[in-house]
Protein backbone atom coordinates (compact mmCIF):
# COMPACT_ATOMS: atom_id res chain seq x y z
CA MET A 1 15.97 4.10 37.79
CA THR A 2 13.48 2.37 36.05
CA GLY A 3 11.39 4.75 33.38
CA VAL A 4 7.74 4.73 32.73
CA LYS A 5 6.14 4.74 29.27
CA HIS A 6 2.16 4.34 29.31
CA ASP A 7 2.19 2.97 25.78
CA HIS A 8 -0.22 -0.21 26.68
CA GLY A 9 -2.60 -1.00 24.47
CA LYS A 10 -1.49 1.53 21.67
CA PRO A 11 -0.65 0.20 18.09
CA GLU A 12 2.41 -1.76 17.90
CA TYR A 13 4.02 -0.31 14.69
CA SER A 14 7.12 -2.75 15.28
CA LEU A 15 4.86 -5.51 13.95
CA ILE A 16 5.15 -4.28 10.37
CA PRO A 17 7.39 -6.79 8.57
CA PRO A 18 10.32 -4.73 7.87
CA LEU A 19 11.31 -6.00 4.48
CA ALA A 20 7.87 -6.45 3.18
CA GLU A 21 7.46 -2.85 4.23
CA GLU A 22 10.45 -1.62 2.54
CA GLU A 23 9.23 -3.22 -0.71
CA VAL A 24 6.00 -1.34 -0.61
CA VAL A 25 7.83 1.70 0.22
CA LYS A 26 9.76 1.21 -2.97
CA VAL A 27 6.47 0.94 -5.12
CA LEU A 28 5.32 4.19 -3.49
CA THR A 29 8.54 6.05 -4.43
CA MET A 30 8.43 4.85 -7.93
CA GLY A 31 4.99 5.99 -8.16
CA ALA A 32 5.68 9.39 -6.74
CA LYS A 33 8.52 9.94 -9.02
CA LYS A 34 6.50 8.64 -12.24
CA TYR A 35 3.32 10.63 -11.61
CA SER A 36 3.66 12.62 -8.43
CA PRO A 37 3.49 12.14 -4.72
CA ASP A 38 -0.32 11.12 -3.71
CA ASN A 39 -1.54 11.22 -6.94
CA TRP A 40 -3.43 8.19 -6.31
CA ARG A 41 -5.98 10.42 -4.55
CA LEU A 42 -6.81 12.26 -7.80
CA ILE A 43 -7.99 9.20 -9.64
CA ASP A 44 -11.65 8.56 -10.31
CA ASP A 45 -13.45 5.58 -8.89
CA ILE A 46 -10.50 4.57 -6.53
CA PRO A 47 -12.00 1.34 -5.32
CA LYS A 48 -12.74 -0.28 -8.87
CA ARG A 49 -9.33 1.00 -10.46
CA TYR A 50 -7.37 0.16 -7.63
CA MET A 51 -9.13 -3.32 -6.94
CA ASP A 52 -8.48 -4.08 -10.75
CA ALA A 53 -4.78 -3.22 -10.35
CA ALA A 54 -4.18 -5.12 -7.19
CA MET A 55 -5.88 -8.22 -8.76
CA ARG A 56 -3.73 -7.80 -12.21
CA HIS A 57 -0.52 -7.87 -10.05
CA MET A 58 -1.92 -10.80 -7.82
CA ALA A 59 -2.94 -12.96 -11.08
CA ASP A 60 0.82 -12.04 -12.56
CA TRP A 61 2.22 -13.53 -9.00
CA ARG A 62 -0.05 -16.48 -9.27
CA LYS A 63 1.34 -17.31 -12.56
CA GLY A 64 4.89 -17.22 -11.37
CA ASN A 65 5.79 -13.89 -12.63
CA TYR A 66 7.00 -12.33 -9.26
CA THR A 67 8.36 -9.05 -10.66
CA ASP A 68 6.70 -6.19 -12.65
CA ASP A 69 8.22 -5.71 -15.78
CA GLU A 70 7.97 -2.06 -15.72
CA SER A 71 9.25 -1.24 -12.21
CA GLY A 72 11.20 -4.30 -11.66
CA LEU A 73 9.85 -4.35 -8.21
CA SER A 74 7.77 -7.01 -6.43
CA HIS A 75 3.93 -7.64 -7.82
CA LEU A 76 3.07 -8.47 -4.36
CA ALA A 77 4.43 -4.96 -3.12
CA HIS A 78 2.37 -3.37 -6.05
CA ALA A 79 -0.87 -5.26 -4.92
CA ILE A 80 -0.51 -4.30 -1.22
CA CYS A 81 -0.12 -0.58 -2.41
CA CYS A 82 -3.20 -0.71 -4.36
CA LEU A 83 -5.10 -2.24 -1.58
CA GLN A 84 -3.80 0.41 1.03
CA PHE A 85 -5.16 2.82 -1.43
CA VAL A 86 -8.51 1.25 -1.59
CA LEU A 87 -8.35 1.12 2.25
CA GLU A 88 -7.37 4.50 2.85
CA ASP A 89 -10.18 5.96 0.47
CA GLN A 90 -12.61 4.01 2.41
CA LEU A 91 -11.37 5.10 5.53
CA ILE A 92 -11.42 8.67 4.55
CA LYS A 93 -15.12 8.62 2.84
CA GLY A 94 -16.25 6.50 6.25
CA ASN A 95 -14.85 9.38 8.25
CA GLU A 96 -16.28 11.81 5.89
CA SER A 97 -19.71 10.41 6.11
CA ASN A 98 -19.87 10.54 10.18
């Protein structure tokens, strides 16, 4: 017997690189413990504040400092989190304006 699953054309979450995803989740978990879960949503001017933070992490990474001094986690994972916050905020605000 052969099963049927109608998932053609649906998002393929298995394409997300698992090791990178785990590093991003570590940053999110650390942030949730330090501040509170989803605290980032309460910050004023999310695009500017988190784009600045992402660029600071990228600048450190480009200078060869691959690990954040405070968290001990990847600067790239921190930058990805910041960019996800900016994107999420943009998507929410875009949906609210429709």
